[in-house]
C-alpha cells in the first residue's frame, strides 16, 4: 500500500473518532458496527488485515462498554484509535522517533 492510499482501518478508525467527538451516538454505534463487520472480511495485505483485526476487537469492546454505560472505560481506547487513524511511517522514521 502506498502512502497516498487510505487503508480501511485508518479510515474507519478516523470515522469512529469523528463520531465520538461529535457526540452523535447513532453514528458512533453505526461506525463501530461497521468496523466489527470489516474485521471479518479477509484482505490480501497482512498488515492491513492485522490492523482491521485490532480495530474490530476495539470496536467490539467499545460496543459492549457503551451498551453498559461505561463511557469512561470505552474512552480508554481512543488513543489506540488515534494511532490506527494516523498515517503510517517508514521504519527509519519509527526508529528515529523512539
PDB file of N, CA and C in Angstrom:
ATOM      1  N   UNK A   1       0.845  -1.174   0.000  1.00  0.00           N
ATOM      2  CA  UNK A   1       0.000   0.000   0.000  1.00  0.00           C
ATOM      3  C   UNK A   1       0.891   1.237   0.000  1.00  0.00           C
ATOM      4  N   UNK A   2       0.553   2.171  -0.846  1.00  0.00           N
ATOM      5  CA  UNK A   2       1.346   3.389  -0.893  1.00  0.00           C
ATOM      6  C   UNK A   2       0.847   4.368   0.154  1.00  0.00           C
ATOM      7  N   UNK A   3       1.673   5.363   0.463  1.00  0.00           N
ATOM      8  CA  UNK A   3       1.296   6.361   1.461  1.00  0.00           C
ATOM      9  C   UNK A   3       0.085   7.169   1.055  1.00  0.00           C
ATOM     10  N   UNK A   4      -0.172   7.274  -0.256  1.00  0.00           N
ATOM     11  CA  UNK A   4      -1.303   8.077  -0.703  1.00  0.00           C
ATOM     12  C   UNK A   4      -2.621   7.328  -0.598  1.00  0.00           C
ATOM     13  N   UNK A   5      -2.582   6.019  -0.491  1.00  0.00           N
ATOM     14  CA  UNK A   5      -3.804   5.242  -0.342  1.00  0.00           C
ATOM     15  C   UNK A   5      -4.245   5.277   1.121  1.00  0.00           C
ATOM     16  N   UNK A   6      -5.549   5.239   1.303  1.00  0.00           N
ATOM     17  CA  UNK A   6      -6.081   5.194   2.659  1.00  0.00           C
ATOM     18  C   UNK A   6      -6.449   3.757   2.985  1.00  0.00           C
ATOM     19  N   UNK A   7      -5.946   3.238   4.073  1.00  0.00           N
ATOM     20  CA  UNK A   7      -6.314   1.896   4.462  1.00  0.00           C
ATOM     21  C   UNK A   7      -7.716   1.926   5.060  1.00  0.00           C
ATOM     22  N   UNK A   8      -8.404   0.836   4.940  1.00  0.00           N
ATOM     23  CA  UNK A   8      -9.739   0.724   5.509  1.00  0.00           C
ATOM     24  C   UNK A   8      -9.681   0.942   7.015  1.00  0.00           C
ATOM     25  N   UNK A   9      -8.684   0.371   7.672  1.00  0.00           N
ATOM     26  CA  UNK A   9      -8.564   0.520   9.124  1.00  0.00           C
ATOM     27  C   UNK A   9      -8.356   1.980   9.507  1.00  0.00           C
ATOM     28  N   UNK A  10      -7.505   2.684   8.769  1.00  0.00           N
ATOM     29  CA  UNK A  10      -7.259   4.108   9.062  1.00  0.00           C
ATOM     30  C   UNK A  10      -8.535   4.921   8.921  1.00  0.00           C
ATOM     31  N   UNK A  11      -9.229   4.723   7.823  1.00  0.00           N
ATOM     32  CA  UNK A  11     -10.444   5.487   7.555  1.00  0.00           C
ATOM     33  C   UNK A  11     -11.506   5.183   8.607  1.00  0.00           C
ATOM     34  N   UNK A  12     -11.691   3.920   8.914  1.00  0.00           N
ATOM     35  CA  UNK A  12     -12.718   3.556   9.890  1.00  0.00           C
ATOM     36  C   UNK A  12     -12.378   4.050  11.285  1.00  0.00           C
ATOM     37  N   UNK A  13     -11.121   3.972  11.664  1.00  0.00           N
ATOM     38  CA  UNK A  13     -10.717   4.497  12.978  1.00  0.00           C
ATOM     39  C   UNK A  13     -10.991   5.993  13.043  1.00  0.00           C
ATOM     40  N   UNK A  14     -10.684   6.696  11.966  1.00  0.00           N
ATOM     41  CA  UNK A  14     -10.943   8.136  11.913  1.00  0.00           C
ATOM     42  C   UNK A  14     -12.438   8.432  11.996  1.00  0.00           C
ATOM     43  N   UNK A  15     -13.245   7.622  11.348  1.00  0.00           N
ATOM     44  CA  UNK A  15     -14.707   7.810  11.397  1.00  0.00           C
ATOM     45  C   UNK A  15     -15.244   7.583  12.812  1.00  0.00           C
ATOM     46  N   UNK A  16     -14.712   6.600  13.503  1.00  0.00           N
ATOM     47  CA  UNK A  16     -15.135   6.348  14.889  1.00  0.00           C
ATOM     48  C   UNK A  16     -14.750   7.530  15.764  1.00  0.00           C
ATOM     49  N   UNK A  17     -13.535   8.021  15.594  1.00  0.00           N
ATOM     50  CA  UNK A  17     -13.088   9.171  16.382  1.00  0.00           C
ATOM     51  C   UNK A  17     -13.938  10.410  16.097  1.00  0.00           C
ATOM     52  N   UNK A  18     -14.272  10.623  14.831  1.00  0.00           N
ATOM     53  CA  UNK A  18     -15.099  11.779  14.470  1.00  0.00           C
ATOM     54  C   UNK A  18     -16.487  11.657  15.097  1.00  0.00           C
ATOM     55  N   UNK A  19     -17.067  10.478  15.052  1.00  0.00           N
ATOM     56  CA  UNK A  19     -18.386  10.267  15.654  1.00  0.00           C
ATOM     57  C   UNK A  19     -18.319  10.458  17.167  1.00  0.00           C
ATOM     58  N   UNK A  20     -17.248   9.986  17.783  1.00  0.00           N
ATOM     59  CA  UNK A  20     -17.069  10.158  19.234  1.00  0.00           C
ATOM     60  C   UNK A  20     -17.025  11.646  19.578  1.00  0.00           C
ATOM     61  N   UNK A  21     -16.233  12.371  18.821  1.00  0.00           N
ATOM     62  CA  UNK A  21     -16.067  13.797  19.075  1.00  0.00           C
ATOM     63  C   UNK A  21     -17.318  14.613  18.823  1.00  0.00           C
ATOM     64  N   UNK A  22     -18.187  14.118  17.955  1.00  0.00           N
ATOM     65  CA  UNK A  22     -19.418  14.846  17.639  1.00  0.00           C
ATOM     66  C   UNK A  22     -20.555  14.532  18.614  1.00  0.00           C
ATOM     67  N   UNK A  23     -20.334  13.559  19.483  1.00  0.00           N
ATOM     68  CA  UNK A  23     -21.372  13.110  20.427  1.00  0.00           C
ATOM     69  C   UNK A  23     -22.605  12.571  19.720  1.00  0.00           C
ATOM     70  N   UNK A  24     -22.438  12.099  18.505  1.00  0.00           N
ATOM     71  CA  UNK A  24     -23.528  11.503  17.743  1.00  0.00           C
ATOM     72  C   UNK A  24     -23.509   9.997  18.004  1.00  0.00           C
ATOM     73  N   UNK A  25     -24.291   9.553  18.985  1.00  0.00           N
ATOM     74  CA  UNK A  25     -24.258   8.145  19.393  1.00  0.00           C
ATOM     75  C   UNK A  25     -24.729   7.209  18.289  1.00  0.00           C
ATOM     76  N   UNK A  26     -25.708   7.638  17.514  1.00  0.00           N
ATOM     77  CA  UNK A  26     -26.192   6.788  16.425  1.00  0.00           C
ATOM     78  C   UNK A  26     -25.077   6.539  15.411  1.00  0.00           C
ATOM     79  N   UNK A  27     -24.373   7.600  15.042  1.00  0.00           N
ATOM     80  CA  UNK A  27     -23.260   7.479  14.106  1.00  0.00           C
ATOM     81  C   UNK A  27     -22.117   6.665  14.718  1.00  0.00           C
ATOM     82  N   UNK A  28     -21.846   6.872  15.982  1.00  0.00           N
ATOM     83  CA  UNK A  28     -20.801   6.117  16.667  1.00  0.00           C
ATOM     84  C   UNK A  28     -21.110   4.630  16.644  1.00  0.00           C
ATOM     85  N   UNK A  29     -22.335   4.266  17.007  1.00  0.00           N
ATOM     86  CA  UNK A  29     -22.716   2.846  17.008  1.00  0.00           C
ATOM     87  C   UNK A  29     -22.654   2.258  15.595  1.00  0.00           C
ATOM     88  N   UNK A  30     -23.060   3.028  14.603  1.00  0.00           N
ATOM     89  CA  UNK A  30     -23.021   2.562  13.215  1.00  0.00           C
ATOM     90  C   UNK A  30     -21.566   2.336  12.774  1.00  0.00           C
ATOM     91  N   UNK A  31     -20.671   3.264  13.111  1.00  0.00           N
ATOM     92  CA  UNK A  31     -19.255   3.117  12.731  1.00  0.00           C
ATOM     93  C   UNK A  31     -18.584   1.967  13.475  1.00  0.00           C
ATOM     94  N   UNK A  32     -18.938   1.783  14.741  1.00  0.00           N
ATOM     95  CA  UNK A  32     -18.387   0.648  15.490  1.00  0.00           C
ATOM     96  C   UNK A  32     -18.845  -0.674  14.883  1.00  0.00           C
ATOM     97  N   UNK A  33     -20.122  -0.767  14.533  1.00  0.00           N
ATOM     98  CA  UNK A  33     -20.647  -1.995  13.923  1.00  0.00           C
ATOM     99  C   UNK A  33     -19.974  -2.272  12.585  1.00  0.00           C
ATOM    100  N   UNK A  34     -19.760  -1.233  11.800  1.00  0.00           N
ATOM    101  CA  UNK A  34     -19.098  -1.397  10.507  1.00  0.00           C
ATOM    102  C   UNK A  34     -17.666  -1.897  10.685  1.00  0.00           C
ATOM    103  N   UNK A  35     -16.965  -1.372  11.674  1.00  0.00           N
ATOM    104  CA  UNK A  35     -15.588  -1.808  11.938  1.00  0.00           C
ATOM    105  C   UNK A  35     -15.542  -3.278  12.343  1.00  0.00           C
ATOM    106  N   UNK A  36     -16.515  -3.710  13.134  1.00  0.00           N
ATOM    107  CA  UNK A  36     -16.574  -5.120  13.539  1.00  0.00           C
ATOM    108  C   UNK A  36     -16.808  -5.995  12.303  1.00  0.00           C
ATOM    109  N   UNK A  37     -17.716  -5.569  11.427  1.00  0.00           N
ATOM    110  CA  UNK A  37     -18.003  -6.333  10.204  1.00  0.00           C
ATOM    111  C   UNK A  37     -16.787  -6.394   9.285  1.00  0.00           C
ATOM    112  N   UNK A  38     -16.128  -5.265   9.089  1.00  0.00           N
ATOM    113  CA  UNK A  38     -14.969  -5.205   8.191  1.00  0.00           C
ATOM    114  C   UNK A  38     -13.822  -6.088   8.684  1.00  0.00           C
ATOM    115  N   UNK A  39     -13.715  -6.267   9.978  1.00  0.00           N
ATOM    116  CA  UNK A  39     -12.641  -7.096  10.532  1.00  0.00           C
ATOM    117  C   UNK A  39     -12.798  -8.557  10.116  1.00  0.00           C
ATOM    118  N   UNK A  40     -13.990  -8.939   9.728  1.00  0.00           N
ATOM    119  CA  UNK A  40     -14.250 -10.321   9.339  1.00  0.00           C
ATOM    120  C   UNK A  40     -13.943 -10.603   7.871  1.00  0.00           C
ATOM    121  N   UNK A  41     -13.753  -9.547   7.077  1.00  0.00           N
ATOM    122  CA  UNK A  41     -13.500  -9.701   5.646  1.00  0.00           C
ATOM    123  C   UNK A  41     -12.002  -9.904   5.416  1.00  0.00           C
ATOM    124  N   UNK A  42     -11.627 -11.023   4.791  1.00  0.00           N
ATOM    125  CA  UNK A  42     -10.201 -11.256   4.552  1.00  0.00           C
ATOM    126  C   UNK A  42      -9.628 -10.252   3.542  1.00  0.00           C
ATOM    127  N   UNK A  43      -8.394  -9.841   3.769  1.00  0.00           N
ATOM    128  CA  UNK A  43      -7.694  -8.936   2.854  1.00  0.00           C
ATOM    129  C   UNK A  43      -6.346  -9.543   2.493  1.00  0.00           C
ATOM    130  N   UNK A  44      -5.849  -9.170   1.325  1.00  0.00           N
ATOM    131  CA  UNK A  44      -4.574  -9.724   0.846  1.00  0.00           C
ATOM    132  C   UNK A  44      -3.384  -9.182   1.625  1.00  0.00           C
ATOM    133  N   UNK A  45      -3.456  -7.917   2.017  1.00  0.00           N
ATOM    134  CA  UNK A  45      -2.355  -7.274   2.737  1.00  0.00           C
ATOM    135  C   UNK A  45      -2.416  -7.704   4.203  1.00  0.00           C
ATOM    136  N   UNK A  46      -1.436  -8.481   4.644  1.00  0.00           N
ATOM    137  CA  UNK A  46      -1.478  -8.991   6.018  1.00  0.00           C
ATOM    138  C   UNK A  46      -1.362  -7.884   7.058  1.00  0.00           C
ATOM    139  N   UNK A  47      -0.624  -6.823   6.745  1.00  0.00           N
ATOM    140  CA  UNK A  47      -0.527  -5.696   7.671  1.00  0.00           C
ATOM    141  C   UNK A  47      -1.876  -5.035   7.858  1.00  0.00           C
ATOM    142  N   UNK A  48      -2.586  -4.827   6.745  1.00  0.00           N
ATOM    143  CA  UNK A  48      -3.923  -4.237   6.822  1.00  0.00           C
ATOM    144  C   UNK A  48      -4.878  -5.192   7.537  1.00  0.00           C
ATOM    145  N   UNK A  49      -4.724  -6.479   7.281  1.00  0.00           N
ATOM    146  CA  UNK A  49      -5.563  -7.467   7.953  1.00  0.00           C
ATOM    147  C   UNK A  49      -5.396  -7.411   9.467  1.00  0.00           C
ATOM    148  N   UNK A  50      -4.163  -7.252   9.907  1.00  0.00           N
ATOM    149  CA  UNK A  50      -3.901  -7.150  11.348  1.00  0.00           C
ATOM    150  C   UNK A  50      -4.484  -5.871  11.931  1.00  0.00           C
ATOM    151  N   UNK A  51      -4.360  -4.765  11.192  1.00  0.00           N
ATOM    152  CA  UNK A  51      -4.946  -3.504  11.662  1.00  0.00           C
ATOM    153  C   UNK A  51      -6.465  -3.619  11.758  1.00  0.00           C
ATOM    154  N   UNK A  52      -7.074  -4.272  10.771  1.00  0.00           N
ATOM    155  CA  UNK A  52      -8.525  -4.456  10.801  1.00  0.00           C
ATOM    156  C   UNK A  52      -8.949  -5.356  11.965  1.00  0.00           C
ATOM    157  N   UNK A  53      -8.151  -6.384  12.231  1.00  0.00           N
ATOM    158  CA  UNK A  53      -8.435  -7.267  13.365  1.00  0.00           C
ATOM    159  C   UNK A  53      -8.408  -6.494  14.680  1.00  0.00           C
ATOM    160  N   UNK A  54      -7.379  -5.693  14.862  1.00  0.00           N
ATOM    161  CA  UNK A  54      -7.248  -4.879  16.077  1.00  0.00           C
ATOM    162  C   UNK A  54      -8.405  -3.898  16.173  1.00  0.00           C
ATOM    163  N   UNK A  55      -8.705  -3.230  15.065  1.00  0.00           N
ATOM    164  CA  UNK A  55      -9.808  -2.277  15.052  1.00  0.00           C
ATOM    165  C   UNK A  55     -11.124  -2.971  15.381  1.00  0.00           C
ATOM    166  N   UNK A  56     -11.331  -4.153  14.826  1.00  0.00           N
ATOM    167  CA  UNK A  56     -12.547  -4.913  15.106  1.00  0.00           C
ATOM    168  C   UNK A  56     -12.672  -5.274  16.577  1.00  0.00           C
ATOM    169  N   UNK A  57     -11.554  -5.670  17.183  1.00  0.00           N
ATOM    170  CA  UNK A  57     -11.577  -6.013  18.613  1.00  0.00           C
ATOM    171  C   UNK A  57     -11.862  -4.778  19.462  1.00  0.00           C
ATOM    172  N   UNK A  58     -11.258  -3.654  19.108  1.00  0.00           N
ATOM    173  CA  UNK A  58     -11.504  -2.408  19.838  1.00  0.00           C
ATOM    174  C   UNK A  58     -12.968  -2.008  19.697  1.00  0.00           C
ATOM    175  N   UNK A  59     -13.476  -2.040  18.463  1.00  0.00           N
ATOM    176  CA  UNK A  59     -14.860  -1.641  18.205  1.00  0.00           C
ATOM    177  C   UNK A  59     -15.846  -2.547  18.941  1.00  0.00           C
ATOM    178  N   UNK A  60     -15.577  -3.826  18.930  1.00  0.00           N
ATOM    179  CA  UNK A  60     -16.451  -4.775  19.618  1.00  0.00           C
ATOM    180  C   UNK A  60     -16.480  -4.506  21.117  1.00  0.00           C
ATOM    181  N   UNK A  61     -15.318  -4.278  21.688  1.00  0.00           N
ATOM    182  CA  UNK A  61     -15.229  -3.997  23.117  1.00  0.00           C
ATOM    183  C   UNK A  61     -15.925  -2.684  23.459  1.00  0.00           C
ATOM    184  N   UNK A  62     -15.711  -1.671  22.618  1.00  0.00           N
ATOM    185  CA  UNK A  62     -16.351  -0.377  22.863  1.00  0.00           C
ATOM    186  C   UNK A  62     -17.871  -0.493  22.794  1.00  0.00           C
ATOM    187  N   UNK A  63     -18.378  -1.306  21.884  1.00  0.00           N
ATOM    188  CA  UNK A  63     -19.837  -1.505  21.782  1.00  0.00           C
ATOM    189  C   UNK A  63     -20.396  -2.086  23.078  1.00  0.00           C
ATOM    190  N   UNK A  64     -19.708  -3.071  23.614  1.00  0.00           N
ATOM    191  CA  UNK A  64     -20.151  -3.689  24.869  1.00  0.00           C
ATOM    192  C   UNK A  64     -20.109  -2.672  26.009  1.00  0.00           C
ATOM    193  N   UNK A  65     -19.026  -1.925  26.078  1.00  0.00           N
ATOM    194  CA  UNK A  65     -18.877  -0.932  27.146  1.00  0.00           C
ATOM    195  C   UNK A  65     -19.929   0.166  27.035  1.00  0.00           C
ATOM    196  N   UNK A  66     -20.188   0.642  25.836  1.00  0.00           N
ATOM    197  CA  UNK A  66     -21.194   1.691  25.650  1.00  0.00           C
ATOM    198  C   UNK A  66     -22.591   1.178  25.965  1.00  0.00           C
ATOM    199  N   UNK A  67     -22.850  -0.090  25.647  1.00  0.00           N
ATOM    200  CA  UNK A  67     -24.160  -0.684  25.944  1.00  0.00           C
ATOM    201  C   UNK A  67     -24.401  -0.790  27.442  1.00  0.00           C
ATOM    202  N   UNK A  68     -23.327  -0.870  28.215  1.00  0.00           N
ATOM    203  CA  UNK A  68     -23.469  -0.955  29.670  1.00  0.00           C
ATOM    204  C   UNK A  68     -23.092   0.361  30.352  1.00  0.00           C
ATOM    205  N   UNK A  69     -23.180   1.471  29.600  1.00  0.00           N
ATOM    206  CA  UNK A  69     -22.949   2.825  30.121  1.00  0.00           C
ATOM    207  C   UNK A  69     -21.581   3.012  30.775  1.00  0.00           C
ATOM    208  N   UNK A  70     -20.564   2.371  30.235  1.00  0.00           N
ATOM    209  CA  UNK A  70     -19.202   2.524  30.744  1.00  0.00           C
ATOM    210  C   UNK A  70     -18.402   3.422  29.793  1.00  0.00           C
ATOM    211  N   UNK A  71     -18.853   4.660  29.669  1.00  0.00           N
ATOM    212  CA  UNK A  71     -18.276   5.621  28.739  1.00  0.00           C
ATOM    213  C   UNK A  71     -16.802   5.887  29.042  1.00  0.00           C
ATOM    214  N   UNK A  72     -16.469   6.053  30.309  1.00  0.00           N
ATOM    215  CA  UNK A  72     -15.077   6.343  30.686  1.00  0.00           C
ATOM    216  C   UNK A  72     -14.143   5.197  30.301  1.00  0.00           C
ATOM    217  N   UNK A  73     -14.607   3.990  30.485  1.00  0.00           N
ATOM    218  CA  UNK A  73     -13.785   2.833  30.124  1.00  0.00           C
ATOM    219  C   UNK A  73     -13.645   2.741  28.602  1.00  0.00           C
ATOM    220  N   UNK A  74     -14.728   3.010  27.881  1.00  0.00           N
ATOM    221  CA  UNK A  74     -14.666   2.999  26.413  1.00  0.00           C
ATOM    222  C   UNK A  74     -13.694   4.063  25.907  1.00  0.00           C
ATOM    223  N   UNK A  75     -13.639   5.186  26.600  1.00  0.00           N
ATOM    224  CA  UNK A  75     -12.760   6.285  26.191  1.00  0.00           C
ATOM    225  C   UNK A  75     -11.279   5.898  26.266  1.00  0.00           C
ATOM    226  N   UNK A  76     -10.960   4.878  27.022  1.00  0.00           N
ATOM    227  CA  UNK A  76      -9.561   4.439  27.134  1.00  0.00           C
ATOM    228  C   UNK A  76      -9.019   3.900  25.821  1.00  0.00           C
ATOM    229  N   UNK A  77      -9.917   3.578  24.897  1.00  0.00           N
ATOM    230  CA  UNK A  77      -9.491   3.053  23.596  1.00  0.00           C
ATOM    231  C   UNK A  77      -9.222   4.155  22.584  1.00  0.00           C
ATOM    232  N   UNK A  78      -9.526   5.388  22.915  1.00  0.00           N
ATOM    233  CA  UNK A  78      -9.333   6.498  21.982  1.00  0.00           C
ATOM    234  C   UNK A  78      -7.881   6.663  21.535  1.00  0.00           C
ATOM    235  N   UNK A  79      -6.890   6.552  22.432  1.00  0.00           N
ATOM    236  CA  UNK A  79      -5.501   6.658  21.952  1.00  0.00           C
ATOM    237  C   UNK A  79      -5.135   5.568  20.932  1.00  0.00           C
ATOM    238  N   UNK A  80      -5.646   4.373  21.113  1.00  0.00           N
ATOM    239  CA  UNK A  80      -5.387   3.301  20.144  1.00  0.00           C
ATOM    240  C   UNK A  80      -6.040   3.625  18.806  1.00  0.00           C
ATOM    241  N   UNK A  81      -7.251   4.157  18.854  1.00  0.00           N
ATOM    242  CA  UNK A  81      -7.924   4.557  17.619  1.00  0.00           C
ATOM    243  C   UNK A  81      -7.161   5.675  16.924  1.00  0.00           C
ATOM    244  N   UNK A  82      -6.646   6.624  17.700  1.00  0.00           N
ATOM    245  CA  UNK A  82      -5.848   7.710  17.107  1.00  0.00           C
ATOM    246  C   UNK A  82      -4.609   7.142  16.417  1.00  0.00           C
ATOM    247  N   UNK A  83      -4.012   6.161  17.041  1.00  0.00           N
ATOM    248  CA  UNK A  83      -2.832   5.523  16.444  1.00  0.00           C
ATOM    249  C   UNK A  83      -3.217   4.835  15.130  1.00  0.00           C
ATOM    250  N   UNK A  84      -4.308   4.097  15.126  1.00  0.00           N
ATOM    251  CA  UNK A  84      -4.741   3.412  13.910  1.00  0.00           C
ATOM    252  C   UNK A  84      -5.137   4.404  12.814  1.00  0.00           C
ATOM    253  N   UNK A  85      -5.641   5.553  13.205  1.00  0.00           N
ATOM    254  CA  UNK A  85      -6.085   6.559  12.234  1.00  0.00           C
ATOM    255  C   UNK A  85      -4.934   7.394  11.686  1.00  0.00           C
ATOM    256  N   UNK A  86      -3.780   7.343  12.326  1.00  0.00           N
ATOM    257  CA  UNK A  86      -2.655   8.172  11.891  1.00  0.00           C
ATOM    258  C   UNK A  86      -1.991   7.577  10.655  1.00  0.00           C
ATOM    259  N   UNK A  87      -1.311   8.436   9.928  1.00  0.00           N
ATOM    260  CA  UNK A  87      -0.614   8.000   8.718  1.00  0.00           C
ATOM    261  C   UNK A  87       0.548   7.086   9.088  1.00  0.00           C
ATOM    262  N   UNK A  88       0.778   6.068   8.298  1.00  0.00           N
ATOM    263  CA  UNK A  88       1.906   5.171   8.584  1.00  0.00           C
ATOM    264  C   UNK A  88       3.235   5.870   8.349  1.00  0.00           C
ATOM    265  N   UNK A  89       4.248   5.433   9.065  1.00  0.00           N
ATOM    266  CA  UNK A  89       5.585   5.985   8.851  1.00  0.00           C
ATOM    267  C   UNK A  89       6.525   4.841   8.488  1.00  0.00           C
ATOM    268  N   UNK A  90       7.633   5.193   7.887  1.00  0.00           N
ATOM    269  CA  UNK A  90       8.613   4.181   7.499  1.00  0.00           C
ATOM    270  C   UNK A  90       9.345   3.681   8.747  1.00  0.00           C
ATOM    271  N   UNK A  91      10.030   2.559   8.603  1.00  0.00           N
ATOM    272  CA  UNK A  91      10.761   2.002   9.736  1.00  0.00           C
ATOM    273  C   UNK A  91      11.846   2.961  10.213  1.00  0.00           C
ATOM    274  N   UNK A  92      12.490   3.675   9.288  1.00  0.00           N
ATOM    275  CA  UNK A  92      13.544   4.601   9.712  1.00  0.00           C
ATOM    276  C   UNK A  92      12.947   5.757  10.487  1.00  0.00           C
ATOM    277  N   UNK A  93      11.759   6.256  10.093  1.00  0.00           N
ATOM    278  CA  UNK A  93      11.093   7.316  10.847  1.00  0.00           C
ATOM    279  C   UNK A  93      10.695   6.808  12.227  1.00  0.00           C
ATOM    280  N   UNK A  94      10.188   5.568  12.276  1.00  0.00           N
ATOM    281  CA  UNK A  94       9.764   4.983  13.546  1.00  0.00           C
ATOM    282  C   UNK A  94      10.956   4.852  14.485  1.00  0.00           C
ATOM    283  N   UNK A  95      12.078   4.356  13.981  1.00  0.00           N
ATOM    284  CA  UNK A  95      13.277   4.179  14.802  1.00  0.00           C
ATOM    285  C   UNK A  95      13.787   5.518  15.322  1.00  0.00           C
ATOM    286  N   UNK A  96      13.682   6.556  14.490  1.00  0.00           N
ATOM    287  CA  UNK A  96      14.147   7.889  14.887  1.00  0.00           C
ATOM    288  C   UNK A  96      13.279   8.462  16.004  1.00  0.00           C
ATOM    289  N   UNK A  97      11.985   8.165  15.982  1.00  0.00           N
ATOM    290  CA  UNK A  97      11.069   8.706  16.981  1.00  0.00           C
ATOM    291  C   UNK A  97      11.231   8.043  18.353  1.00  0.00           C
ATOM    292  N   UNK A  98      11.778   6.849  18.388  1.00  0.00           N
ATOM    293  CA  UNK A  98      11.866   6.106  19.653  1.00  0.00           C
ATOM    294  C   UNK A  98      12.917   6.624  20.581  1.00  0.00           C
TER     295      UNK A  98
END
